[in-house]
Amino acid sequence: MSGHVDIVREQFLALRDSQHQGSVHLLNLIRLREHADYPDGRAATGIEAYQTYGRVSEPVLARVGARIIWEGQFESMLIGPGNEHWDLCFVAEYPSVKVFVEIIRDPLYREAAAHRKAAAEDSRLIALKPRPGATRFGQFLTERRT
């Protein structure tokens, strides 16, 4: 079964064209393939392919100030499909949506992304607007989503 691995163009354009100001946090949930799925058929595990993605993409991300701000190990699904699990769970911070868009277009990042695509069986990439100062559940619910 093949899941969600590629960015959906319409959703990417909506983020790009949004009025989002400031940094953007991207929640990444990734399930790796047992064996990577490279178009040229090269042999690698999903873990090896994702590690290659990390090595190749790291200098590009560091150059623009992107960084991992949180990482955790998946334990269990409490709300959602009980058979769903994720091998990688982390939040990446980009200085702005514009910087994220530029990264996606960077030739070196595109090279790296081929390894991510080969590695991932399924994934979720959720853009989040940071809300500093939250101290209780539902604190910002009086604000409507735009």
N, C-alpha and C. Protein backbone atom coordinates (compact mmCIF):
# COMPACT_ATOMS: atom_id res chain seq x y z
N MET A 1 0.84 -1.18 0.00
CA MET A 1 0.00 0.00 0.00
C MET A 1 0.88 1.24 0.00
N SER A 2 0.56 2.16 -0.86
CA SER A 2 1.32 3.41 -0.92
C SER A 2 0.49 4.51 -0.28
N GLY A 3 1.11 5.29 0.58
CA GLY A 3 0.40 6.34 1.30
C GLY A 3 0.70 7.71 0.74
N HIS A 4 0.61 8.68 1.58
CA HIS A 4 0.86 10.07 1.23
C HIS A 4 2.34 10.36 1.41
N VAL A 5 3.02 10.64 0.31
CA VAL A 5 4.47 10.87 0.37
C VAL A 5 4.83 12.22 -0.24
N ASP A 6 4.14 12.61 -1.30
CA ASP A 6 4.45 13.86 -1.99
C ASP A 6 3.56 15.00 -1.51
N ILE A 7 4.11 16.20 -1.54
CA ILE A 7 3.31 17.39 -1.23
C ILE A 7 2.22 17.54 -2.29
N VAL A 8 1.01 17.83 -1.84
CA VAL A 8 -0.11 18.06 -2.76
C VAL A 8 0.00 19.51 -3.25
N ARG A 9 0.09 19.66 -4.57
CA ARG A 9 0.36 20.97 -5.18
C ARG A 9 -0.61 22.05 -4.69
N GLU A 10 -1.90 21.76 -4.71
CA GLU A 10 -2.89 22.77 -4.33
C GLU A 10 -2.71 23.20 -2.87
N GLN A 11 -2.40 22.25 -2.01
CA GLN A 11 -2.21 22.57 -0.60
C GLN A 11 -0.91 23.36 -0.39
N PHE A 12 0.12 23.02 -1.16
CA PHE A 12 1.38 23.76 -1.10
C PHE A 12 1.16 25.20 -1.55
N LEU A 13 0.44 25.39 -2.65
CA LEU A 13 0.19 26.74 -3.16
C LEU A 13 -0.65 27.56 -2.17
N ALA A 14 -1.59 26.91 -1.49
CA ALA A 14 -2.40 27.62 -0.49
C ALA A 14 -1.51 28.11 0.65
N LEU A 15 -0.57 27.29 1.10
CA LEU A 15 0.36 27.74 2.15
C LEU A 15 1.25 28.86 1.62
N ARG A 16 1.78 28.66 0.42
CA ARG A 16 2.66 29.67 -0.18
C ARG A 16 1.97 31.03 -0.29
N ASP A 17 0.71 31.00 -0.67
CA ASP A 17 -0.03 32.25 -0.90
C ASP A 17 -0.74 32.78 0.35
N SER A 18 -0.57 32.10 1.47
CA SER A 18 -1.23 32.52 2.70
C SER A 18 -0.60 33.81 3.24
N GLN A 19 -1.27 34.39 4.19
CA GLN A 19 -0.78 35.61 4.84
C GLN A 19 0.05 35.29 6.08
N HIS A 20 0.50 34.06 6.18
CA HIS A 20 1.27 33.61 7.35
C HIS A 20 2.51 34.47 7.54
N GLN A 21 2.64 35.04 8.72
CA GLN A 21 3.80 35.87 9.06
C GLN A 21 4.64 35.13 10.09
N GLY A 22 5.93 35.32 10.04
CA GLY A 22 6.82 34.72 11.03
C GLY A 22 7.17 33.28 10.72
N SER A 23 7.72 32.61 11.72
CA SER A 23 8.17 31.24 11.50
C SER A 23 6.99 30.30 11.30
N VAL A 24 7.29 29.17 10.67
CA VAL A 24 6.29 28.13 10.47
C VAL A 24 6.87 26.83 11.02
N HIS A 25 6.03 26.09 11.75
CA HIS A 25 6.43 24.79 12.28
C HIS A 25 5.76 23.72 11.44
N LEU A 26 6.52 22.70 11.08
CA LEU A 26 5.98 21.60 10.28
C LEU A 26 6.05 20.31 11.08
N LEU A 27 4.88 19.79 11.44
CA LEU A 27 4.79 18.51 12.12
C LEU A 27 4.96 17.42 11.08
N ASN A 28 5.97 16.58 11.27
CA ASN A 28 6.28 15.48 10.36
C ASN A 28 5.97 14.16 11.05
N LEU A 29 5.15 13.35 10.42
CA LEU A 29 4.88 11.98 10.86
C LEU A 29 5.24 11.09 9.67
N ILE A 30 6.17 10.16 9.87
CA ILE A 30 6.68 9.38 8.74
C ILE A 30 6.72 7.90 9.10
N ARG A 31 6.16 7.09 8.21
CA ARG A 31 6.28 5.63 8.31
C ARG A 31 7.23 5.20 7.19
N LEU A 32 8.28 4.51 7.56
CA LEU A 32 9.30 4.10 6.60
C LEU A 32 8.97 2.75 5.98
N ARG A 33 9.40 2.59 4.74
CA ARG A 33 9.30 1.29 4.07
C ARG A 33 10.36 0.35 4.65
N GLU A 34 10.09 -0.92 4.59
CA GLU A 34 11.12 -1.88 4.98
C GLU A 34 12.28 -1.80 3.99
N HIS A 35 11.95 -1.77 2.70
CA HIS A 35 12.95 -1.65 1.64
C HIS A 35 12.64 -0.38 0.85
N ALA A 36 13.63 0.45 0.66
CA ALA A 36 13.44 1.70 -0.08
C ALA A 36 12.95 1.41 -1.49
N ASP A 37 12.22 2.35 -2.05
CA ASP A 37 11.64 2.20 -3.39
C ASP A 37 12.26 3.24 -4.32
N TYR A 38 13.50 3.00 -4.73
CA TYR A 38 14.19 3.89 -5.66
C TYR A 38 13.78 3.56 -7.09
N PRO A 39 13.55 4.57 -7.95
CA PRO A 39 13.19 4.31 -9.34
C PRO A 39 14.24 3.48 -10.09
N ASP A 40 15.51 3.64 -9.72
CA ASP A 40 16.57 2.89 -10.41
C ASP A 40 16.78 1.50 -9.81
N GLY A 41 15.99 1.15 -8.80
CA GLY A 41 16.05 -0.19 -8.23
C GLY A 41 17.19 -0.45 -7.26
N ARG A 42 17.96 0.57 -6.89
CA ARG A 42 19.08 0.33 -5.97
C ARG A 42 18.58 -0.23 -4.65
N ALA A 43 19.41 -1.03 -4.04
CA ALA A 43 19.04 -1.69 -2.80
C ALA A 43 19.40 -0.83 -1.59
N ALA A 44 18.42 -0.62 -0.73
CA ALA A 44 18.62 0.10 0.53
C ALA A 44 17.38 -0.14 1.38
N THR A 45 17.55 -0.07 2.67
CA THR A 45 16.39 -0.13 3.55
C THR A 45 15.75 1.26 3.60
N GLY A 46 14.54 1.32 4.10
CA GLY A 46 13.90 2.62 4.29
C GLY A 46 14.70 3.48 5.25
N ILE A 47 15.25 2.86 6.29
CA ILE A 47 16.07 3.61 7.25
C ILE A 47 17.30 4.18 6.56
N GLU A 48 17.99 3.38 5.76
CA GLU A 48 19.19 3.86 5.07
C GLU A 48 18.86 5.01 4.12
N ALA A 49 17.76 4.88 3.39
CA ALA A 49 17.36 5.94 2.45
C ALA A 49 17.04 7.22 3.21
N TYR A 50 16.36 7.10 4.35
CA TYR A 50 16.02 8.31 5.11
C TYR A 50 17.26 8.94 5.72
N GLN A 51 18.20 8.12 6.15
CA GLN A 51 19.47 8.65 6.67
C GLN A 51 20.22 9.40 5.57
N THR A 52 20.17 8.91 4.34
CA THR A 52 20.78 9.62 3.22
C THR A 52 20.08 10.95 3.01
N TYR A 53 18.75 10.95 3.07
CA TYR A 53 17.99 12.21 2.98
C TYR A 53 18.49 13.20 4.02
N GLY A 54 18.65 12.75 5.24
CA GLY A 54 19.12 13.62 6.32
C GLY A 54 20.49 14.21 6.04
N ARG A 55 21.42 13.37 5.59
CA ARG A 55 22.79 13.84 5.30
C ARG A 55 22.81 14.86 4.17
N VAL A 56 22.05 14.60 3.11
CA VAL A 56 22.07 15.48 1.94
C VAL A 56 21.30 16.77 2.20
N SER A 57 20.20 16.69 2.94
CA SER A 57 19.38 17.89 3.17
C SER A 57 19.90 18.78 4.29
N GLU A 58 20.65 18.23 5.21
CA GLU A 58 21.08 18.99 6.39
C GLU A 58 21.79 20.30 6.05
N PRO A 59 22.77 20.32 5.13
CA PRO A 59 23.44 21.59 4.84
C PRO A 59 22.50 22.64 4.22
N VAL A 60 21.55 22.19 3.42
CA VAL A 60 20.59 23.11 2.81
C VAL A 60 19.71 23.73 3.89
N LEU A 61 19.20 22.90 4.78
CA LEU A 61 18.32 23.38 5.84
C LEU A 61 19.07 24.29 6.81
N ALA A 62 20.30 23.92 7.15
CA ALA A 62 21.11 24.74 8.06
C ALA A 62 21.41 26.11 7.45
N ARG A 63 21.64 26.13 6.15
CA ARG A 63 21.97 27.38 5.45
C ARG A 63 20.86 28.42 5.59
N VAL A 64 19.61 27.97 5.65
CA VAL A 64 18.48 28.92 5.72
C VAL A 64 17.92 29.07 7.12
N GLY A 65 18.53 28.39 8.09
CA GLY A 65 18.09 28.54 9.47
C GLY A 65 16.96 27.61 9.88
N ALA A 66 16.69 26.58 9.09
CA ALA A 66 15.68 25.59 9.49
C ALA A 66 16.31 24.63 10.50
N ARG A 67 15.47 24.13 11.42
CA ARG A 67 16.01 23.23 12.44
C ARG A 67 14.90 22.37 13.02
N ILE A 68 15.30 21.27 13.62
CA ILE A 68 14.36 20.41 14.35
C ILE A 68 14.21 21.01 15.75
N ILE A 69 12.96 21.31 16.14
CA ILE A 69 12.74 21.89 17.48
C ILE A 69 12.14 20.89 18.45
N TRP A 70 11.66 19.77 17.93
CA TRP A 70 11.10 18.74 18.80
C TRP A 70 11.14 17.41 18.06
N GLU A 71 11.47 16.36 18.77
CA GLU A 71 11.41 15.01 18.21
C GLU A 71 10.97 14.07 19.32
N GLY A 72 10.14 13.12 18.97
CA GLY A 72 9.68 12.14 19.94
C GLY A 72 9.54 10.78 19.30
N GLN A 73 9.48 9.76 20.11
CA GLN A 73 9.31 8.40 19.63
C GLN A 73 7.85 8.01 19.78
N PHE A 74 7.25 7.55 18.69
CA PHE A 74 5.85 7.12 18.70
C PHE A 74 5.67 5.99 19.72
N GLU A 75 4.65 6.12 20.56
CA GLU A 75 4.35 5.10 21.56
C GLU A 75 3.07 4.34 21.20
N SER A 76 1.97 5.07 21.06
CA SER A 76 0.71 4.40 20.73
C SER A 76 -0.30 5.43 20.24
N MET A 77 -1.28 4.93 19.50
CA MET A 77 -2.36 5.78 18.99
C MET A 77 -3.50 5.74 20.00
N LEU A 78 -3.83 6.88 20.58
CA LEU A 78 -4.91 6.95 21.56
C LEU A 78 -6.21 7.42 20.93
N ILE A 79 -6.12 8.32 19.96
CA ILE A 79 -7.28 8.76 19.18
C ILE A 79 -6.88 8.63 17.73
N GLY A 80 -7.58 7.83 16.98
CA GLY A 80 -7.23 7.59 15.59
C GLY A 80 -7.17 6.10 15.32
N PRO A 81 -6.87 5.73 14.08
CA PRO A 81 -6.82 4.31 13.72
C PRO A 81 -5.81 3.56 14.59
N GLY A 82 -6.27 2.51 15.26
CA GLY A 82 -5.42 1.76 16.17
C GLY A 82 -4.25 1.07 15.51
N ASN A 83 -4.35 0.81 14.20
CA ASN A 83 -3.26 0.14 13.51
C ASN A 83 -2.25 1.12 12.91
N GLU A 84 -2.44 2.41 13.13
CA GLU A 84 -1.55 3.42 12.57
C GLU A 84 -0.36 3.62 13.50
N HIS A 85 0.83 3.66 12.91
CA HIS A 85 2.04 3.93 13.69
C HIS A 85 2.98 4.78 12.84
N TRP A 86 3.91 5.45 13.50
CA TRP A 86 4.86 6.32 12.81
C TRP A 86 6.27 6.02 13.31
N ASP A 87 7.19 5.90 12.37
CA ASP A 87 8.59 5.63 12.73
C ASP A 87 9.33 6.90 13.14
N LEU A 88 8.93 8.02 12.58
CA LEU A 88 9.55 9.31 12.90
C LEU A 88 8.47 10.32 13.21
N CYS A 89 8.64 11.06 14.29
CA CYS A 89 7.71 12.12 14.69
C CYS A 89 8.56 13.31 15.12
N PHE A 90 8.46 14.42 14.39
CA PHE A 90 9.25 15.58 14.76
C PHE A 90 8.62 16.85 14.23
N VAL A 91 9.04 17.97 14.79
CA VAL A 91 8.61 19.29 14.32
C VAL A 91 9.84 20.03 13.82
N ALA A 92 9.77 20.48 12.57
CA ALA A 92 10.83 21.29 11.98
C ALA A 92 10.36 22.74 11.97
N GLU A 93 11.26 23.65 12.29
CA GLU A 93 10.94 25.08 12.27
C GLU A 93 11.68 25.73 11.10
N TYR A 94 10.93 26.50 10.32
CA TYR A 94 11.49 27.30 9.23
C TYR A 94 11.28 28.76 9.59
N PRO A 95 12.22 29.64 9.26
CA PRO A 95 12.08 31.05 9.61
C PRO A 95 10.82 31.70 9.04
N SER A 96 10.35 31.18 7.89
CA SER A 96 9.14 31.74 7.27
C SER A 96 8.62 30.74 6.24
N VAL A 97 7.39 30.95 5.80
CA VAL A 97 6.83 30.15 4.72
C VAL A 97 7.66 30.36 3.46
N LYS A 98 8.09 31.60 3.23
CA LYS A 98 8.91 31.90 2.04
C LYS A 98 10.17 31.05 2.02
N VAL A 99 10.83 30.91 3.16
CA VAL A 99 12.04 30.08 3.24
C VAL A 99 11.69 28.62 2.94
N PHE A 100 10.59 28.12 3.47
CA PHE A 100 10.17 26.74 3.18
C PHE A 100 9.95 26.56 1.68
N VAL A 101 9.28 27.50 1.05
CA VAL A 101 9.04 27.44 -0.40
C VAL A 101 10.36 27.42 -1.16
N GLU A 102 11.30 28.26 -0.76
CA GLU A 102 12.61 28.30 -1.42
C GLU A 102 13.34 26.98 -1.28
N ILE A 103 13.24 26.35 -0.12
CA ILE A 103 13.90 25.05 0.10
C ILE A 103 13.37 24.02 -0.89
N ILE A 104 12.06 23.96 -1.05
CA ILE A 104 11.44 22.97 -1.93
C ILE A 104 11.96 23.13 -3.36
N ARG A 105 12.33 24.33 -3.74
CA ARG A 105 12.83 24.60 -5.10
C ARG A 105 14.34 24.43 -5.25
N ASP A 106 15.06 24.31 -4.15
CA ASP A 106 16.52 24.21 -4.17
C ASP A 106 16.96 22.89 -4.82
N PRO A 107 17.87 22.94 -5.81
CA PRO A 107 18.30 21.72 -6.50
C PRO A 107 18.91 20.67 -5.57
N LEU A 108 19.71 21.10 -4.61
CA LEU A 108 20.31 20.14 -3.68
C LEU A 108 19.24 19.51 -2.80
N TYR A 109 18.25 20.30 -2.39
CA TYR A 109 17.17 19.73 -1.59
C TYR A 109 16.35 18.74 -2.42
N ARG A 110 16.13 19.06 -3.69
CA ARG A 110 15.38 18.14 -4.56
C ARG A 110 16.10 16.80 -4.68
N GLU A 111 17.42 16.86 -4.74
CA GLU A 111 18.22 15.63 -4.76
C GLU A 111 17.97 14.84 -3.47
N ALA A 112 18.00 15.54 -2.35
CA ALA A 112 17.75 14.89 -1.05
C ALA A 112 16.34 14.32 -0.99
N ALA A 113 15.37 15.06 -1.49
CA ALA A 113 13.96 14.65 -1.41
C ALA A 113 13.70 13.32 -2.12
N ALA A 114 14.50 12.99 -3.12
CA ALA A 114 14.36 11.70 -3.80
C ALA A 114 14.61 10.55 -2.82
N HIS A 115 15.51 10.75 -1.89
CA HIS A 115 15.79 9.72 -0.87
C HIS A 115 14.63 9.63 0.13
N ARG A 116 14.06 10.78 0.48
CA ARG A 116 12.90 10.77 1.39
C ARG A 116 11.74 10.02 0.74
N LYS A 117 11.51 10.30 -0.54
CA LYS A 117 10.42 9.65 -1.26
C LYS A 117 10.64 8.13 -1.33
N ALA A 118 11.88 7.72 -1.57
CA ALA A 118 12.19 6.28 -1.62
C ALA A 118 12.01 5.63 -0.25
N ALA A 119 12.27 6.38 0.80
CA ALA A 119 12.23 5.84 2.17
C ALA A 119 10.82 5.74 2.73
N ALA A 120 9.97 6.71 2.44
CA ALA A 120 8.68 6.84 3.11
C ALA A 120 7.60 5.97 2.47
N GLU A 121 6.91 5.23 3.31
CA GLU A 121 5.73 4.49 2.88
C GLU A 121 4.48 5.37 3.00
N ASP A 122 4.46 6.17 4.04
CA ASP A 122 3.33 7.06 4.30
C ASP A 122 3.85 8.20 5.16
N SER A 123 3.20 9.35 5.07
CA SER A 123 3.64 10.48 5.89
C SER A 123 2.53 11.51 6.00
N ARG A 124 2.72 12.39 6.96
CA ARG A 124 1.87 13.57 7.12
C ARG A 124 2.81 14.75 7.34
N LEU A 125 2.50 15.85 6.71
CA LEU A 125 3.26 17.09 6.90
C LEU A 125 2.23 18.17 7.18
N ILE A 126 2.21 18.66 8.40
CA ILE A 126 1.17 19.58 8.84
C ILE A 126 1.82 20.91 9.22
N ALA A 127 1.45 21.97 8.51
CA ALA A 127 2.00 23.30 8.80
C ALA A 127 1.25 23.89 10.00
N LEU A 128 2.02 24.44 10.93
CA LEU A 128 1.47 25.01 12.16
C LEU A 128 1.99 26.43 12.36
N LYS A 129 1.12 27.31 12.82
CA LYS A 129 1.52 28.66 13.19
C LYS A 129 1.85 28.65 14.67
N PRO A 130 3.08 28.95 15.05
CA PRO A 130 3.44 28.96 16.48
C PRO A 130 2.59 29.97 17.25
N ARG A 131 2.23 29.59 18.45
CA ARG A 131 1.47 30.48 19.34
C ARG A 131 2.18 30.54 20.68
N PRO A 132 3.20 31.37 20.77
CA PRO A 132 3.93 31.48 22.05
C PRO A 132 2.99 31.96 23.15
N GLY A 133 3.24 31.49 24.33
CA GLY A 133 2.47 31.96 25.48
C GLY A 133 1.28 31.11 25.84
N ALA A 134 1.00 30.05 25.08
CA ALA A 134 -0.12 29.19 25.44
C ALA A 134 0.19 28.48 26.75
N THR A 135 -0.75 28.56 27.69
CA THR A 135 -0.53 27.94 29.00
C THR A 135 -1.67 27.01 29.40
N ARG A 136 -2.76 26.98 28.61
CA ARG A 136 -3.87 26.09 28.96
C ARG A 136 -4.58 25.63 27.69
N PHE A 137 -5.27 24.51 27.79
CA PHE A 137 -5.99 23.94 26.66
C PHE A 137 -7.09 24.89 26.21
N GLY A 138 -7.19 25.09 24.91
CA GLY A 138 -8.26 25.90 24.35
C GLY A 138 -8.08 27.40 24.48
N GLN A 139 -6.94 27.83 24.93
CA GLN A 139 -6.69 29.25 25.19
C GLN A 139 -6.99 30.13 23.98
N PHE A 140 -6.68 29.66 22.80
CA PHE A 140 -6.80 30.50 21.61
C PHE A 140 -8.06 30.20 20.80
N LEU A 141 -9.00 29.47 21.35
CA LEU A 141 -10.18 29.08 20.59
C LEU A 141 -11.11 30.24 20.29
N THR A 142 -10.94 31.38 20.91
CA THR A 142 -11.78 32.54 20.59
C THR A 142 -11.37 33.14 19.26
N GLU A 143 -10.17 32.82 18.79
CA GLU A 143 -9.72 33.30 17.49
C GLU A 143 -10.18 32.32 16.42
N ARG A 144 -10.78 32.84 15.38
CA ARG A 144 -11.22 31.98 14.28
C ARG A 144 -10.06 31.76 13.33
N ARG A 145 -10.01 30.57 12.79
CA ARG A 145 -8.97 30.23 11.81
C ARG A 145 -9.24 30.98 10.52
N THR A 146 -8.18 31.57 9.96
CA THR A 146 -8.35 32.30 8.70
C THR A 146 -7.79 31.52 7.55
